[in-house]
Amino acid sequence: MHKPPPTQALGPVINRVSDLMIHTNRYAFHGVTRLALDAKVSASSVSRLINGKMNPSFALVARVTTALEQTLGYRIDPRDLVAELGKFLTPHTCDLAGCRGCLPENATDEFGDLKPAFQGIKPGCWVTSRHPKGYIESTKGESK
């Protein structure tokens, strides 16, 4: 069973750090360890952030943002990496990454067919790999 991410006053904190990592050569292999070293934080903190197991501190988000900026070669607003209810300033991950348009690996099943969550999503037009259409709150407060 999937445990919902920790909540804040307005709703859960959604991040797309791992989605930006897959758009880099440096973090494509052993990404958590490398990002942790570059950000000067523990690998467990990066792992918990990526997996939505914590409400990150500003210091952690700032360090991770700086490390990603150095790797990508341009500035990133931290609100494009971590946002309550997934309300990012830049709607699509590929736009943030400077990508011409792709789908994340988890968009397809083992047979190469699109998973239901990605039906109707065009390459480059996904918000996060966990919430391709954006975070949608259900009436019970759980994400769809």
N, C-alpha and C. Protein backbone atom coordinates (compact mmCIF):
# COMPACT_ATOMS: atom_id res chain seq x y z
N MET A 1 0.85 -1.18 0.00
CA MET A 1 0.00 0.00 0.00
C MET A 1 0.89 1.24 0.00
N HIS A 2 0.53 2.22 -0.79
CA HIS A 2 1.32 3.44 -0.90
C HIS A 2 0.91 4.41 0.19
N LYS A 3 1.88 4.81 0.99
CA LYS A 3 1.62 5.78 2.05
C LYS A 3 1.69 7.18 1.45
N PRO A 4 0.69 8.04 1.70
CA PRO A 4 0.73 9.39 1.13
C PRO A 4 1.89 10.19 1.72
N PRO A 5 2.41 11.17 0.96
CA PRO A 5 3.51 11.98 1.47
C PRO A 5 3.07 12.79 2.69
N PRO A 6 4.04 13.18 3.54
CA PRO A 6 3.68 14.01 4.70
C PRO A 6 3.00 15.29 4.23
N THR A 7 2.08 15.80 5.03
CA THR A 7 1.34 16.99 4.62
C THR A 7 1.82 18.24 5.33
N GLN A 8 1.54 19.35 4.72
CA GLN A 8 1.80 20.67 5.25
C GLN A 8 0.45 21.31 5.51
N ALA A 9 0.44 22.60 5.77
CA ALA A 9 -0.80 23.32 6.02
C ALA A 9 -1.75 23.25 4.82
N LEU A 10 -1.21 23.36 3.62
CA LEU A 10 -2.06 23.37 2.43
C LEU A 10 -2.19 22.00 1.78
N GLY A 11 -1.26 21.14 1.99
CA GLY A 11 -1.30 19.83 1.36
C GLY A 11 0.08 19.22 1.28
N PRO A 12 0.19 18.05 0.65
CA PRO A 12 1.48 17.37 0.60
C PRO A 12 2.51 18.11 -0.25
N VAL A 13 3.76 17.94 0.15
CA VAL A 13 4.87 18.50 -0.60
C VAL A 13 5.23 17.49 -1.69
N ILE A 14 5.15 17.92 -2.93
CA ILE A 14 5.47 17.08 -4.08
C ILE A 14 6.79 17.58 -4.64
N ASN A 15 7.68 16.64 -4.99
CA ASN A 15 8.96 17.07 -5.56
C ASN A 15 9.21 16.32 -6.86
N ARG A 16 10.06 16.90 -7.68
CA ARG A 16 10.45 16.25 -8.93
C ARG A 16 11.97 16.27 -9.10
N VAL A 17 12.65 16.09 -7.98
CA VAL A 17 14.11 16.04 -8.00
C VAL A 17 14.58 14.87 -8.86
N SER A 18 14.02 13.68 -8.64
CA SER A 18 14.45 12.52 -9.42
C SER A 18 14.13 12.69 -10.90
N ASP A 19 13.05 13.38 -11.21
CA ASP A 19 12.69 13.62 -12.61
C ASP A 19 13.71 14.52 -13.30
N LEU A 20 14.24 15.47 -12.56
CA LEU A 20 15.28 16.33 -13.13
C LEU A 20 16.60 15.57 -13.20
N MET A 21 16.85 14.71 -12.21
CA MET A 21 18.08 13.92 -12.21
C MET A 21 18.20 13.04 -13.45
N ILE A 22 17.08 12.46 -13.90
CA ILE A 22 17.16 11.57 -15.07
C ILE A 22 17.46 12.34 -16.36
N HIS A 23 17.37 13.65 -16.31
CA HIS A 23 17.71 14.47 -17.46
C HIS A 23 19.19 14.87 -17.48
N THR A 24 19.97 14.33 -16.55
CA THR A 24 21.40 14.65 -16.49
C THR A 24 22.23 13.39 -16.70
N ASN A 25 23.43 13.57 -17.20
CA ASN A 25 24.36 12.44 -17.30
C ASN A 25 24.96 12.10 -15.94
N ARG A 26 25.25 13.11 -15.16
CA ARG A 26 25.92 12.89 -13.87
C ARG A 26 25.08 12.06 -12.91
N TYR A 27 23.79 12.31 -12.85
CA TYR A 27 22.95 11.65 -11.85
C TYR A 27 22.15 10.47 -12.41
N ALA A 28 22.42 10.10 -13.65
CA ALA A 28 21.70 8.97 -14.25
C ALA A 28 22.14 7.63 -13.63
N PHE A 29 23.35 7.55 -13.10
CA PHE A 29 23.88 6.33 -12.49
C PHE A 29 24.39 6.69 -11.11
N HIS A 30 23.97 5.97 -10.10
CA HIS A 30 24.31 6.28 -8.69
C HIS A 30 23.92 7.71 -8.36
N GLY A 31 22.77 8.13 -8.85
CA GLY A 31 22.33 9.51 -8.72
C GLY A 31 22.16 10.00 -7.30
N VAL A 32 21.58 9.19 -6.43
CA VAL A 32 21.36 9.63 -5.04
C VAL A 32 22.69 9.91 -4.36
N THR A 33 23.63 8.99 -4.51
CA THR A 33 24.94 9.16 -3.88
C THR A 33 25.66 10.38 -4.44
N ARG A 34 25.65 10.52 -5.74
CA ARG A 34 26.35 11.66 -6.36
C ARG A 34 25.71 12.99 -5.99
N LEU A 35 24.38 13.04 -6.02
CA LEU A 35 23.70 14.29 -5.65
C LEU A 35 23.97 14.63 -4.20
N ALA A 36 23.96 13.63 -3.33
CA ALA A 36 24.25 13.87 -1.91
C ALA A 36 25.66 14.43 -1.73
N LEU A 37 26.63 13.86 -2.43
CA LEU A 37 28.00 14.37 -2.34
C LEU A 37 28.09 15.80 -2.84
N ASP A 38 27.47 16.07 -3.98
CA ASP A 38 27.51 17.41 -4.57
C ASP A 38 26.79 18.44 -3.69
N ALA A 39 25.71 18.01 -3.05
CA ALA A 39 24.91 18.92 -2.21
C ALA A 39 25.44 19.00 -0.78
N LYS A 40 26.42 18.13 -0.46
CA LYS A 40 27.00 18.08 0.89
C LYS A 40 25.94 17.77 1.95
N VAL A 41 25.12 16.76 1.63
CA VAL A 41 24.10 16.26 2.55
C VAL A 41 24.20 14.74 2.55
N SER A 42 23.48 14.10 3.44
CA SER A 42 23.53 12.64 3.49
C SER A 42 22.71 12.02 2.36
N ALA A 43 23.15 10.86 1.93
CA ALA A 43 22.42 10.14 0.89
C ALA A 43 21.03 9.76 1.37
N SER A 44 20.89 9.48 2.66
CA SER A 44 19.56 9.12 3.18
C SER A 44 18.61 10.31 3.10
N SER A 45 19.12 11.53 3.30
CA SER A 45 18.27 12.72 3.18
C SER A 45 17.80 12.90 1.74
N VAL A 46 18.70 12.70 0.79
CA VAL A 46 18.33 12.81 -0.62
C VAL A 46 17.32 11.72 -0.98
N SER A 47 17.55 10.51 -0.50
CA SER A 47 16.62 9.41 -0.77
C SER A 47 15.24 9.69 -0.19
N ARG A 48 15.19 10.16 1.05
CA ARG A 48 13.89 10.46 1.67
C ARG A 48 13.19 11.60 0.93
N LEU A 49 13.95 12.60 0.49
CA LEU A 49 13.38 13.71 -0.28
C LEU A 49 12.77 13.18 -1.58
N ILE A 50 13.55 12.43 -2.34
CA ILE A 50 13.11 11.91 -3.63
C ILE A 50 11.88 11.03 -3.50
N ASN A 51 11.83 10.24 -2.44
CA ASN A 51 10.73 9.30 -2.25
C ASN A 51 9.55 9.88 -1.49
N GLY A 52 9.59 11.19 -1.21
CA GLY A 52 8.47 11.86 -0.56
C GLY A 52 8.24 11.42 0.87
N LYS A 53 9.29 11.02 1.55
CA LYS A 53 9.17 10.53 2.93
C LYS A 53 9.41 11.62 3.97
N MET A 54 9.60 12.85 3.51
CA MET A 54 9.87 13.94 4.45
C MET A 54 9.39 15.26 3.89
N ASN A 55 9.14 16.19 4.79
CA ASN A 55 8.96 17.59 4.40
C ASN A 55 10.35 18.20 4.53
N PRO A 56 10.99 18.52 3.41
CA PRO A 56 12.38 18.95 3.46
C PRO A 56 12.55 20.34 4.06
N SER A 57 13.70 20.53 4.67
CA SER A 57 14.05 21.86 5.18
C SER A 57 14.46 22.74 4.00
N PHE A 58 14.43 24.04 4.22
CA PHE A 58 14.87 24.96 3.18
C PHE A 58 16.33 24.72 2.85
N ALA A 59 17.14 24.46 3.87
CA ALA A 59 18.58 24.24 3.65
C ALA A 59 18.81 23.04 2.73
N LEU A 60 18.07 21.96 2.94
CA LEU A 60 18.22 20.77 2.09
C LEU A 60 17.81 21.10 0.65
N VAL A 61 16.68 21.74 0.48
CA VAL A 61 16.22 22.09 -0.87
C VAL A 61 17.21 23.03 -1.54
N ALA A 62 17.73 24.00 -0.81
CA ALA A 62 18.70 24.95 -1.37
C ALA A 62 19.97 24.23 -1.82
N ARG A 63 20.47 23.31 -1.01
CA ARG A 63 21.70 22.58 -1.37
C ARG A 63 21.48 21.68 -2.59
N VAL A 64 20.35 20.99 -2.62
CA VAL A 64 20.04 20.13 -3.76
C VAL A 64 19.86 20.97 -5.02
N THR A 65 19.19 22.10 -4.89
CA THR A 65 19.00 23.01 -6.03
C THR A 65 20.34 23.49 -6.57
N THR A 66 21.23 23.90 -5.68
CA THR A 66 22.56 24.38 -6.10
C THR A 66 23.33 23.29 -6.83
N ALA A 67 23.28 22.07 -6.31
CA ALA A 67 23.99 20.96 -6.97
C ALA A 67 23.42 20.70 -8.36
N LEU A 68 22.10 20.70 -8.49
CA LEU A 68 21.49 20.50 -9.80
C LEU A 68 21.82 21.65 -10.76
N GLU A 69 21.83 22.87 -10.24
CA GLU A 69 22.18 24.04 -11.06
C GLU A 69 23.59 23.90 -11.61
N GLN A 70 24.52 23.48 -10.76
CA GLN A 70 25.91 23.34 -11.20
C GLN A 70 26.05 22.26 -12.28
N THR A 71 25.28 21.20 -12.15
CA THR A 71 25.33 20.12 -13.14
C THR A 71 24.68 20.54 -14.45
N LEU A 72 23.53 21.20 -14.36
CA LEU A 72 22.79 21.59 -15.56
C LEU A 72 23.34 22.85 -16.22
N GLY A 73 24.00 23.70 -15.43
CA GLY A 73 24.59 24.91 -15.98
C GLY A 73 23.66 26.10 -16.06
N TYR A 74 22.56 26.07 -15.34
CA TYR A 74 21.65 27.22 -15.31
C TYR A 74 20.91 27.26 -13.98
N ARG A 75 20.30 28.43 -13.70
CA ARG A 75 19.60 28.64 -12.43
C ARG A 75 18.26 27.92 -12.42
N ILE A 76 17.88 27.45 -11.24
CA ILE A 76 16.59 26.80 -11.04
C ILE A 76 15.94 27.42 -9.81
N ASP A 77 14.70 27.80 -9.92
CA ASP A 77 13.97 28.27 -8.75
C ASP A 77 13.61 27.03 -7.92
N PRO A 78 13.93 27.02 -6.63
CA PRO A 78 13.62 25.85 -5.79
C PRO A 78 12.14 25.45 -5.84
N ARG A 79 11.27 26.42 -6.12
CA ARG A 79 9.83 26.12 -6.21
C ARG A 79 9.50 25.30 -7.45
N ASP A 80 10.47 25.12 -8.34
CA ASP A 80 10.29 24.23 -9.48
C ASP A 80 10.72 22.80 -9.16
N LEU A 81 11.34 22.61 -8.00
CA LEU A 81 11.74 21.28 -7.57
C LEU A 81 10.82 20.72 -6.50
N VAL A 82 10.40 21.56 -5.57
CA VAL A 82 9.58 21.15 -4.44
C VAL A 82 8.44 22.16 -4.29
N ALA A 83 7.20 21.67 -4.26
CA ALA A 83 6.06 22.58 -4.14
C ALA A 83 4.89 21.89 -3.45
N GLU A 84 4.20 22.64 -2.61
CA GLU A 84 2.99 22.10 -2.01
C GLU A 84 1.97 21.83 -3.11
N LEU A 85 1.33 20.68 -3.00
CA LEU A 85 0.34 20.22 -3.97
C LEU A 85 0.90 20.15 -5.40
N GLY A 86 2.23 20.17 -5.53
CA GLY A 86 2.84 20.07 -6.84
C GLY A 86 2.58 21.25 -7.74
N LYS A 87 2.35 22.43 -7.14
CA LYS A 87 2.08 23.63 -7.94
C LYS A 87 3.41 24.30 -8.29
N PHE A 88 4.08 23.73 -9.28
CA PHE A 88 5.39 24.20 -9.71
C PHE A 88 5.26 25.43 -10.60
N LEU A 89 6.28 26.28 -10.58
CA LEU A 89 6.27 27.48 -11.43
C LEU A 89 6.34 27.10 -12.91
N THR A 90 7.17 26.12 -13.23
CA THR A 90 7.28 25.61 -14.59
C THR A 90 6.48 24.32 -14.64
N PRO A 91 5.38 24.30 -15.39
CA PRO A 91 4.47 23.15 -15.33
C PRO A 91 5.08 21.80 -15.71
N HIS A 92 5.89 21.75 -16.75
CA HIS A 92 6.38 20.46 -17.25
C HIS A 92 7.86 20.27 -16.95
N THR A 93 8.21 19.07 -16.53
CA THR A 93 9.59 18.74 -16.17
C THR A 93 10.54 18.96 -17.33
N CYS A 94 10.15 18.55 -18.53
CA CYS A 94 11.05 18.69 -19.68
C CYS A 94 11.36 20.16 -19.98
N ASP A 95 10.40 21.05 -19.77
CA ASP A 95 10.67 22.48 -19.95
C ASP A 95 11.70 22.95 -18.93
N LEU A 96 11.60 22.47 -17.72
CA LEU A 96 12.56 22.83 -16.67
C LEU A 96 13.95 22.29 -17.00
N ALA A 97 14.00 21.09 -17.58
CA ALA A 97 15.28 20.43 -17.87
C ALA A 97 15.87 20.86 -19.21
N GLY A 98 15.14 21.62 -20.00
CA GLY A 98 15.63 22.00 -21.32
C GLY A 98 15.60 20.84 -22.29
N CYS A 99 14.72 19.90 -22.04
CA CYS A 99 14.57 18.69 -22.86
C CYS A 99 13.57 18.97 -23.99
N ARG A 100 13.80 18.38 -25.16
CA ARG A 100 12.89 18.59 -26.29
C ARG A 100 11.58 17.84 -26.13
N GLY A 101 11.52 16.97 -25.15
CA GLY A 101 10.29 16.23 -24.90
C GLY A 101 10.52 14.74 -24.80
N CYS A 102 10.22 14.18 -23.66
CA CYS A 102 10.39 12.75 -23.43
C CYS A 102 9.30 12.28 -22.48
N LEU A 103 9.30 11.00 -22.21
CA LEU A 103 8.47 10.42 -21.17
C LEU A 103 9.41 9.69 -20.22
N PRO A 104 9.10 9.67 -18.93
CA PRO A 104 9.98 8.96 -18.00
C PRO A 104 9.91 7.45 -18.22
N GLU A 105 10.93 6.74 -17.74
CA GLU A 105 10.98 5.29 -17.91
C GLU A 105 9.74 4.59 -17.37
N ASN A 106 9.21 5.10 -16.27
CA ASN A 106 8.06 4.42 -15.65
C ASN A 106 6.74 4.72 -16.37
N ALA A 107 6.79 5.38 -17.52
CA ALA A 107 5.57 5.66 -18.28
C ALA A 107 5.07 4.41 -19.01
N THR A 108 5.96 3.45 -19.21
CA THR A 108 5.58 2.24 -19.92
C THR A 108 5.73 1.01 -19.04
N ASP A 109 4.98 -0.02 -19.37
CA ASP A 109 5.08 -1.27 -18.62
C ASP A 109 6.18 -2.14 -19.24
N GLU A 110 6.31 -3.37 -18.75
CA GLU A 110 7.38 -4.25 -19.23
C GLU A 110 7.23 -4.64 -20.70
N PHE A 111 6.06 -4.41 -21.28
CA PHE A 111 5.83 -4.72 -22.70
C PHE A 111 5.99 -3.48 -23.59
N GLY A 112 6.28 -2.33 -23.00
CA GLY A 112 6.45 -1.11 -23.76
C GLY A 112 5.16 -0.34 -23.99
N ASP A 113 4.07 -0.79 -23.37
CA ASP A 113 2.79 -0.10 -23.51
C ASP A 113 2.68 1.00 -22.46
N LEU A 114 2.04 2.11 -22.84
CA LEU A 114 1.84 3.20 -21.89
C LEU A 114 0.97 2.75 -20.74
N LYS A 115 1.37 3.13 -19.54
CA LYS A 115 0.56 2.84 -18.36
C LYS A 115 -0.65 3.78 -18.36
N PRO A 116 -1.74 3.37 -17.71
CA PRO A 116 -2.96 4.20 -17.69
C PRO A 116 -2.72 5.64 -17.23
N ALA A 117 -1.85 5.85 -16.26
CA ALA A 117 -1.60 7.21 -15.76
C ALA A 117 -1.02 8.12 -16.83
N PHE A 118 -0.37 7.54 -17.85
CA PHE A 118 0.26 8.34 -18.89
C PHE A 118 -0.56 8.39 -20.19
N GLN A 119 -1.74 7.79 -20.19
CA GLN A 119 -2.60 7.85 -21.37
C GLN A 119 -2.95 9.32 -21.64
N GLY A 120 -2.77 9.75 -22.86
CA GLY A 120 -3.08 11.13 -23.24
C GLY A 120 -1.98 12.13 -22.93
N ILE A 121 -0.90 11.68 -22.31
CA ILE A 121 0.23 12.57 -22.00
C ILE A 121 1.20 12.54 -23.17
N LYS A 122 1.48 13.69 -23.73
CA LYS A 122 2.43 13.79 -24.84
C LYS A 122 3.84 13.89 -24.28
N PRO A 123 4.85 13.40 -25.02
CA PRO A 123 6.23 13.55 -24.57
C PRO A 123 6.53 15.02 -24.27
N GLY A 124 7.15 15.24 -23.12
CA GLY A 124 7.50 16.59 -22.70
C GLY A 124 6.41 17.31 -21.94
N CYS A 125 5.23 16.72 -21.84
CA CYS A 125 4.09 17.39 -21.20
C CYS A 125 3.65 16.69 -19.92
N TRP A 126 4.59 16.18 -19.15
CA TRP A 126 4.28 15.55 -17.87
C TRP A 126 4.85 16.39 -16.74
N VAL A 127 4.15 16.39 -15.61
CA VAL A 127 4.53 17.23 -14.48
C VAL A 127 5.58 16.53 -13.62
N THR A 128 5.27 15.35 -13.13
CA THR A 128 6.23 14.50 -12.41
C THR A 128 5.99 13.06 -12.84
N SER A 129 6.97 12.21 -12.63
CA SER A 129 6.78 10.80 -13.01
C SER A 129 5.74 10.12 -12.13
N ARG A 130 5.56 10.60 -10.90
CA ARG A 130 4.54 10.03 -10.02
C ARG A 130 3.16 10.62 -10.28
N HIS A 131 3.13 11.86 -10.71
CA HIS A 131 1.87 12.56 -10.98
C HIS A 131 1.97 13.21 -12.37
N PRO A 132 1.88 12.40 -13.43
CA PRO A 132 2.11 12.94 -14.78
C PRO A 132 1.16 14.07 -15.18
N LYS A 133 -0.06 14.05 -14.66
CA LYS A 133 -1.02 15.11 -14.99
C LYS A 133 -1.05 16.18 -13.91
N GLY A 134 -0.15 16.08 -12.96
CA GLY A 134 -0.14 16.99 -11.82
C GLY A 134 -0.81 16.32 -10.64
N TYR A 135 -0.52 16.80 -9.45
CA TYR A 135 -1.10 16.23 -8.24
C TYR A 135 -2.59 16.54 -8.22
N ILE A 136 -3.39 15.52 -8.01
CA ILE A 136 -4.84 15.68 -7.95
C ILE A 136 -5.29 15.18 -6.59
N GLU A 137 -5.89 16.08 -5.83
CA GLU A 137 -6.36 15.71 -4.50
C GLU A 137 -7.74 15.08 -4.60
N SER A 138 -7.91 13.95 -3.93
CA SER A 138 -9.23 13.33 -3.91
C SER A 138 -10.02 13.93 -2.75
N THR A 139 -11.28 13.59 -2.68
CA THR A 139 -12.13 14.12 -1.61
C THR A 139 -11.72 13.58 -0.25
N LYS A 140 -11.02 12.45 -0.21
CA LYS A 140 -10.56 11.87 1.05
C LYS A 140 -9.18 12.39 1.44
N GLY A 141 -8.60 13.27 0.63
CA GLY A 141 -7.30 13.83 0.94
C GLY A 141 -6.14 12.99 0.45
N GLU A 142 -6.42 11.90 -0.26
CA GLU A 142 -5.36 11.08 -0.81
C GLU A 142 -5.18 11.44 -2.27
N SER A 143 -3.95 11.29 -2.77
CA SER A 143 -3.70 11.63 -4.17
C SER A 143 -4.26 10.55 -5.08
N LYS A 144 -4.62 10.99 -6.26
CA LYS A 144 -5.10 10.05 -7.29
C LYS A 144 -3.98 9.73 -8.23
